[in-house]
Amino acid sequence: MNEKELQELEGKIDDYNRFRFILLSLSTILFLGIIVPVEGKAPWVSPLLIVGVFIMLTFACLCHYFTKKAESELYDK
């Protein structure tokens, strides 16, 4: 494996870790929007936030998987 491919893999690992952190942060903020009581909140907002939290957590798990896959590929070569 040449130097360029190694740098690409390291870049992918960094990107996936950043995406994972951002998605976890956003899902936390959305979850707080579910628990904080607000008067006049529309009844469709809470289910929408719950779905958003699960979608972001799913993508964060996928980013974690891709990070581990890229790390194993990097260390194998």
N, C-alpha and C. Protein backbone atom coordinates (compact mmCIF):
# COMPACT_ATOMS: atom_id res chain seq x y z
N MET A 1 0.85 -1.17 0.00
CA MET A 1 0.00 0.00 0.00
C MET A 1 0.90 1.23 0.00
N ASN A 2 0.64 2.14 -0.89
CA ASN A 2 1.50 3.31 -0.98
C ASN A 2 1.04 4.41 -0.02
N GLU A 3 1.82 5.46 0.01
CA GLU A 3 1.58 6.55 0.97
C GLU A 3 0.25 7.25 0.71
N LYS A 4 -0.12 7.41 -0.56
CA LYS A 4 -1.37 8.09 -0.88
C LYS A 4 -2.57 7.31 -0.36
N GLU A 5 -2.57 6.00 -0.55
CA GLU A 5 -3.68 5.17 -0.06
C GLU A 5 -3.76 5.21 1.46
N LEU A 6 -2.61 5.23 2.13
CA LEU A 6 -2.61 5.32 3.59
C LEU A 6 -3.22 6.64 4.05
N GLN A 7 -2.86 7.73 3.37
CA GLN A 7 -3.42 9.04 3.73
C GLN A 7 -4.92 9.09 3.47
N GLU A 8 -5.38 8.45 2.39
CA GLU A 8 -6.82 8.39 2.10
C GLU A 8 -7.56 7.65 3.21
N LEU A 9 -7.01 6.52 3.64
CA LEU A 9 -7.66 5.75 4.71
C LEU A 9 -7.68 6.54 6.01
N GLU A 10 -6.59 7.21 6.34
CA GLU A 10 -6.57 8.03 7.55
C GLU A 10 -7.57 9.17 7.46
N GLY A 11 -7.71 9.75 6.27
CA GLY A 11 -8.71 10.81 6.07
C GLY A 11 -10.12 10.29 6.24
N LYS A 12 -10.39 9.09 5.70
CA LYS A 12 -11.71 8.47 5.86
C LYS A 12 -12.01 8.22 7.33
N ILE A 13 -11.03 7.72 8.05
CA ILE A 13 -11.22 7.43 9.47
C ILE A 13 -11.55 8.72 10.22
N ASP A 14 -10.83 9.78 9.94
CA ASP A 14 -11.09 11.07 10.59
C ASP A 14 -12.48 11.59 10.23
N ASP A 15 -12.85 11.49 8.95
CA ASP A 15 -14.17 11.97 8.52
C ASP A 15 -15.30 11.20 9.19
N TYR A 16 -15.18 9.87 9.20
CA TYR A 16 -16.23 9.06 9.83
C TYR A 16 -16.34 9.36 11.32
N ASN A 17 -15.23 9.59 11.99
CA ASN A 17 -15.28 9.93 13.41
C ASN A 17 -15.95 11.28 13.62
N ARG A 18 -15.67 12.25 12.75
CA ARG A 18 -16.32 13.56 12.86
C ARG A 18 -17.82 13.43 12.61
N PHE A 19 -18.20 12.70 11.56
CA PHE A 19 -19.63 12.52 11.28
C PHE A 19 -20.32 11.85 12.46
N ARG A 20 -19.68 10.85 13.03
CA ARG A 20 -20.28 10.14 14.16
C ARG A 20 -20.50 11.07 15.34
N PHE A 21 -19.50 11.90 15.64
CA PHE A 21 -19.61 12.83 16.75
C PHE A 21 -20.72 13.85 16.50
N ILE A 22 -20.80 14.37 15.29
CA ILE A 22 -21.84 15.35 14.97
C ILE A 22 -23.22 14.72 15.06
N LEU A 23 -23.39 13.52 14.54
CA LEU A 23 -24.69 12.85 14.61
C LEU A 23 -25.09 12.53 16.04
N LEU A 24 -24.15 12.12 16.87
CA LEU A 24 -24.47 11.87 18.27
C LEU A 24 -24.86 13.16 18.98
N SER A 25 -24.18 14.24 18.67
CA SER A 25 -24.50 15.53 19.29
C SER A 25 -25.90 16.00 18.86
N LEU A 26 -26.20 15.89 17.58
CA LEU A 26 -27.52 16.30 17.11
C LEU A 26 -28.64 15.44 17.69
N SER A 27 -28.39 14.15 17.80
CA SER A 27 -29.42 13.28 18.37
C SER A 27 -29.65 13.60 19.85
N THR A 28 -28.60 14.00 20.55
CA THR A 28 -28.76 14.42 21.95
C THR A 28 -29.61 15.68 22.05
N ILE A 29 -29.35 16.63 21.17
CA ILE A 29 -30.13 17.88 21.18
C ILE A 29 -31.60 17.59 20.85
N LEU A 30 -31.84 16.72 19.87
CA LEU A 30 -33.23 16.37 19.54
C LEU A 30 -33.90 15.64 20.71
N PHE A 31 -33.15 14.79 21.38
CA PHE A 31 -33.72 14.08 22.52
C PHE A 31 -34.10 15.05 23.64
N LEU A 32 -33.28 16.06 23.84
CA LEU A 32 -33.62 17.08 24.83
C LEU A 32 -34.89 17.83 24.43
N GLY A 33 -35.11 17.99 23.13
CA GLY A 33 -36.34 18.61 22.66
C GLY A 33 -37.56 17.77 22.96
N ILE A 34 -37.36 16.47 23.13
CA ILE A 34 -38.48 15.60 23.48
C ILE A 34 -38.81 15.73 24.96
N ILE A 35 -37.80 15.78 25.81
CA ILE A 35 -38.06 15.76 27.25
C ILE A 35 -38.44 17.11 27.83
N VAL A 36 -37.94 18.18 27.26
CA VAL A 36 -38.24 19.51 27.80
C VAL A 36 -39.69 19.86 27.48
N PRO A 37 -40.48 20.12 28.51
CA PRO A 37 -41.89 20.45 28.26
C PRO A 37 -42.03 21.88 27.73
N VAL A 38 -42.81 22.02 26.68
CA VAL A 38 -43.07 23.32 26.09
C VAL A 38 -44.57 23.44 25.85
N GLU A 39 -45.14 24.54 26.32
CA GLU A 39 -46.56 24.75 26.09
C GLU A 39 -46.80 25.10 24.63
N GLY A 40 -47.86 24.58 24.10
CA GLY A 40 -48.22 24.89 22.73
C GLY A 40 -47.47 24.08 21.69
N LYS A 41 -46.77 23.03 22.14
CA LYS A 41 -46.05 22.18 21.18
C LYS A 41 -47.07 21.34 20.42
N ALA A 42 -46.94 21.29 19.11
CA ALA A 42 -47.86 20.52 18.28
C ALA A 42 -47.72 19.03 18.62
N PRO A 43 -48.82 18.28 18.52
CA PRO A 43 -48.77 16.86 18.88
C PRO A 43 -47.89 16.01 17.96
N TRP A 44 -47.57 16.47 16.77
CA TRP A 44 -46.78 15.69 15.84
C TRP A 44 -45.28 15.92 16.02
N VAL A 45 -44.89 16.85 16.88
CA VAL A 45 -43.48 17.20 17.03
C VAL A 45 -42.70 16.09 17.75
N SER A 46 -43.24 15.57 18.84
CA SER A 46 -42.51 14.55 19.61
C SER A 46 -42.24 13.28 18.81
N PRO A 47 -43.22 12.73 18.10
CA PRO A 47 -42.90 11.54 17.29
C PRO A 47 -41.88 11.84 16.19
N LEU A 48 -41.95 13.02 15.63
CA LEU A 48 -40.98 13.40 14.61
C LEU A 48 -39.57 13.48 15.19
N LEU A 49 -39.45 14.03 16.39
CA LEU A 49 -38.15 14.11 17.04
C LEU A 49 -37.62 12.72 17.40
N ILE A 50 -38.51 11.84 17.84
CA ILE A 50 -38.09 10.47 18.19
C ILE A 50 -37.56 9.75 16.95
N VAL A 51 -38.26 9.89 15.84
CA VAL A 51 -37.80 9.27 14.59
C VAL A 51 -36.45 9.86 14.18
N GLY A 52 -36.30 11.17 14.31
CA GLY A 52 -35.03 11.82 13.98
C GLY A 52 -33.88 11.32 14.84
N VAL A 53 -34.15 11.12 16.12
CA VAL A 53 -33.12 10.61 17.03
C VAL A 53 -32.67 9.21 16.60
N PHE A 54 -33.63 8.35 16.29
CA PHE A 54 -33.26 6.99 15.90
C PHE A 54 -32.54 6.95 14.55
N ILE A 55 -32.94 7.82 13.63
CA ILE A 55 -32.25 7.86 12.34
C ILE A 55 -30.81 8.31 12.53
N MET A 56 -30.60 9.35 13.33
CA MET A 56 -29.24 9.85 13.55
C MET A 56 -28.38 8.84 14.30
N LEU A 57 -28.98 8.15 15.26
CA LEU A 57 -28.21 7.12 15.97
C LEU A 57 -27.84 5.96 15.04
N THR A 58 -28.75 5.62 14.13
CA THR A 58 -28.45 4.57 13.16
C THR A 58 -27.29 4.97 12.26
N PHE A 59 -27.31 6.21 11.77
CA PHE A 59 -26.21 6.67 10.93
C PHE A 59 -24.91 6.79 11.72
N ALA A 60 -25.00 7.14 12.99
CA ALA A 60 -23.80 7.20 13.82
C ALA A 60 -23.21 5.79 13.99
N CYS A 61 -24.07 4.80 14.16
CA CYS A 61 -23.58 3.41 14.25
C CYS A 61 -22.94 2.96 12.94
N LEU A 62 -23.54 3.37 11.81
CA LEU A 62 -22.94 3.04 10.52
C LEU A 62 -21.58 3.70 10.35
N CYS A 63 -21.45 4.94 10.79
CA CYS A 63 -20.15 5.61 10.72
C CYS A 63 -19.13 4.90 11.60
N HIS A 64 -19.56 4.42 12.75
CA HIS A 64 -18.66 3.67 13.62
C HIS A 64 -18.21 2.37 12.93
N TYR A 65 -19.14 1.71 12.29
CA TYR A 65 -18.80 0.48 11.56
C TYR A 65 -17.79 0.77 10.45
N PHE A 66 -18.04 1.83 9.68
CA PHE A 66 -17.11 2.17 8.59
C PHE A 66 -15.75 2.59 9.13
N THR A 67 -15.73 3.25 10.29
CA THR A 67 -14.46 3.62 10.91
C THR A 67 -13.67 2.37 11.28
N LYS A 68 -14.32 1.43 11.92
CA LYS A 68 -13.63 0.20 12.31
C LYS A 68 -13.17 -0.60 11.10
N LYS A 69 -13.98 -0.60 10.05
CA LYS A 69 -13.61 -1.31 8.83
C LYS A 69 -12.37 -0.67 8.19
N ALA A 70 -12.35 0.65 8.13
CA ALA A 70 -11.20 1.35 7.55
C ALA A 70 -9.96 1.19 8.42
N GLU A 71 -10.14 1.21 9.75
CA GLU A 71 -9.00 1.02 10.64
C GLU A 71 -8.41 -0.38 10.49
N SER A 72 -9.26 -1.38 10.38
CA SER A 72 -8.73 -2.73 10.22
C SER A 72 -8.02 -2.87 8.87
N GLU A 73 -8.55 -2.22 7.84
CA GLU A 73 -7.89 -2.25 6.54
C GLU A 73 -6.55 -1.51 6.60
N LEU A 74 -6.50 -0.42 7.35
CA LEU A 74 -5.26 0.34 7.48
C LEU A 74 -4.20 -0.46 8.21
N TYR A 75 -4.59 -1.12 9.31
CA TYR A 75 -3.62 -1.84 10.11
C TYR A 75 -3.22 -3.19 9.53
N ASP A 76 -4.07 -3.72 8.66
CA ASP A 76 -3.73 -4.99 7.99
C ASP A 76 -2.65 -4.79 6.94
N LYS A 77 -2.59 -3.59 6.39
CA LYS A 77 -1.63 -3.35 5.30
C LYS A 77 -0.47 -2.54 5.70
